Amino acid sequence: MGEMGRLVRSFGYAIEGIIYTIKTQRNMQIHVGVAIMVLLASWLLNISWDHVLLVFFSIFLVLILEMVNTAVEATVDLVTPEYHPLAKVAKDVAAGAVLLAAILSLIVGCYVFGGPLLQVLHI
């Protein structure tokens, strides 16, 4: 297979990973659902493009880290099915990274949507 074929195949593997994570990970399903609602709200509230870009970055950071978390969990489970303190550390740290990204997204959301929502609600 040529270089182009290998490149196309690698994109296919990446897409399979995204689909797997969405199909099997409840938290990823929640993140994707919230992301769709937030992007719809961006459109409905006529959020500026520079703020939409901030929203995209924060959404993708959460999704990326959720996928890394899934990969860490799968790798740890492959290496040792029994409880091990270091396995717990690896899983907890990966989950913590997702939590920090979600908190950042919440902060970005307050910054981007706070003013427009107050205007719509006449508060």
Protein backbone atom coordinates (compact mmCIF):
# COMPACT_ATOMS: atom_id res chain seq x y z
CA MET A 1 0.00 0.00 0.00
CA GLY A 2 1.32 3.42 -0.91
CA GLU A 3 1.89 6.40 1.33
CA MET A 4 -1.54 7.85 0.51
CA GLY A 5 -3.24 4.56 1.33
CA ARG A 6 -1.52 4.38 4.72
CA LEU A 7 -2.54 7.97 5.43
CA VAL A 8 -6.17 7.27 4.54
CA ARG A 9 -6.12 4.10 6.65
CA SER A 10 -4.71 6.01 9.64
CA PHE A 11 -7.59 8.51 9.39
CA GLY A 12 -9.97 5.55 9.34
CA TYR A 13 -8.45 4.20 12.57
CA ALA A 14 -8.77 7.62 14.18
CA ILE A 15 -12.44 7.86 13.18
CA GLU A 16 -13.01 4.33 14.55
CA GLY A 17 -11.55 5.52 17.87
CA ILE A 18 -13.87 8.52 17.97
CA ILE A 19 -16.90 6.37 17.14
CA TYR A 20 -15.90 3.73 19.71
CA THR A 21 -15.59 6.34 22.43
CA ILE A 22 -18.95 7.91 21.60
CA LYS A 23 -20.70 4.52 21.45
CA THR A 24 -19.22 3.04 24.62
CA GLN A 25 -18.48 5.88 27.03
CA ARG A 26 -21.45 7.45 28.81
CA ASN A 27 -19.46 10.55 29.75
CA MET A 28 -18.45 11.09 26.12
CA GLN A 29 -22.11 10.84 25.10
CA ILE A 30 -22.95 13.48 27.70
CA HIS A 31 -20.09 15.72 26.51
CA VAL A 32 -21.19 15.42 22.87
CA GLY A 33 -24.82 16.14 23.77
CA VAL A 34 -23.88 19.21 25.80
CA ALA A 35 -21.52 20.35 23.02
CA ILE A 36 -24.34 20.20 20.47
CA MET A 37 -26.64 22.20 22.77
CA VAL A 38 -23.92 24.79 23.46
CA LEU A 39 -23.16 25.22 19.76
CA LEU A 40 -26.87 25.57 19.02
CA ALA A 41 -27.12 28.19 21.79
CA SER A 42 -24.14 30.01 20.24
CA TRP A 43 -26.05 30.26 16.99
CA LEU A 44 -29.39 31.19 18.58
CA LEU A 45 -27.80 33.89 20.74
CA ASN A 46 -25.76 35.21 17.81
CA ILE A 47 -22.47 34.82 19.68
CA SER A 48 -19.50 36.49 17.98
CA TRP A 49 -17.12 34.27 16.01
CA ASP A 50 -14.19 34.95 18.32
CA HIS A 51 -16.27 33.77 21.28
CA VAL A 52 -17.52 30.76 19.32
CA LEU A 53 -13.88 29.89 18.70
CA LEU A 54 -13.27 29.92 22.47
CA VAL A 55 -16.26 27.64 22.90
CA PHE A 56 -14.94 25.26 20.20
CA PHE A 57 -11.51 25.10 21.85
CA SER A 58 -12.98 24.31 25.24
CA ILE A 59 -15.36 21.70 23.81
CA PHE A 60 -12.62 19.96 21.86
CA LEU A 61 -10.30 20.00 24.87
CA VAL A 62 -12.90 18.12 26.91
CA LEU A 63 -13.59 15.63 24.09
CA ILE A 64 -9.88 15.02 23.47
CA LEU A 65 -9.15 14.44 27.15
CA GLU A 66 -12.16 12.13 27.48
CA MET A 67 -10.67 10.03 24.67
CA VAL A 68 -7.24 10.04 26.35
CA ASN A 69 -8.94 9.00 29.59
CA THR A 70 -10.64 6.12 27.76
CA ALA A 71 -7.30 5.05 26.25
CA VAL A 72 -5.58 5.16 29.66
CA GLU A 73 -8.36 3.10 31.25
CA ALA A 74 -8.26 0.51 28.46
CA THR A 75 -4.47 0.24 28.63
CA VAL A 76 -4.45 -0.14 32.41
CA ASP A 77 -7.20 -2.77 32.23
CA LEU A 78 -5.19 -4.65 29.59
CA VAL A 79 -2.04 -4.64 31.72
CA THR A 80 -3.65 -5.66 34.99
CA PRO A 81 -7.22 -6.76 35.66
CA GLU A 82 -6.49 -6.77 39.42
CA TYR A 83 -6.48 -3.70 41.63
CA HIS A 84 -3.10 -1.96 41.81
CA PRO A 85 -2.40 1.40 43.45
CA LEU A 86 -0.51 2.67 40.39
CA ALA A 87 -3.37 1.62 38.11
CA LYS A 88 -5.66 3.70 40.31
CA VAL A 89 -3.29 6.67 40.05
CA ALA A 90 -3.21 6.45 36.24
CA LYS A 91 -7.00 6.26 35.98
CA ASP A 92 -7.61 8.99 38.56
CA VAL A 93 -5.12 11.39 36.97
CA ALA A 94 -6.65 10.89 33.51
CA ALA A 95 -10.15 11.45 34.92
CA GLY A 96 -8.88 14.52 36.77
CA ALA A 97 -7.62 15.99 33.50
CA VAL A 98 -11.12 15.64 32.04
CA LEU A 99 -12.61 17.28 35.12
CA LEU A 100 -10.23 20.26 34.87
CA ALA A 101 -11.08 20.70 31.19
CA ALA A 102 -14.80 20.55 32.00
CA ILE A 103 -14.35 23.23 34.68
CA LEU A 104 -12.47 25.37 32.16
CA SER A 105 -15.33 24.88 29.69
CA LEU A 106 -17.81 25.99 32.32
CA ILE A 107 -15.76 29.15 32.94
CA VAL A 108 -15.57 29.83 29.20
CA GLY A 109 -19.32 29.24 28.96
CA CYS A 110 -20.03 31.77 31.71
CA TYR A 111 -17.78 34.30 30.00
CA VAL A 112 -19.27 33.77 26.53
CA PHE A 113 -22.94 33.23 27.40
CA GLY A 114 -23.33 35.28 30.58
CA GLY A 115 -24.05 38.64 28.98
CA PRO A 116 -26.23 37.39 26.11
CA LEU A 117 -28.31 35.20 28.45
CA LEU A 118 -28.85 38.09 30.85
CA GLN A 119 -30.04 40.22 27.92
CA VAL A 120 -32.44 37.55 26.67
CA LEU A 121 -33.81 36.99 30.18
CA HIS A 122 -34.00 40.78 30.77
CA ILE A 123 -32.09 40.53 34.04
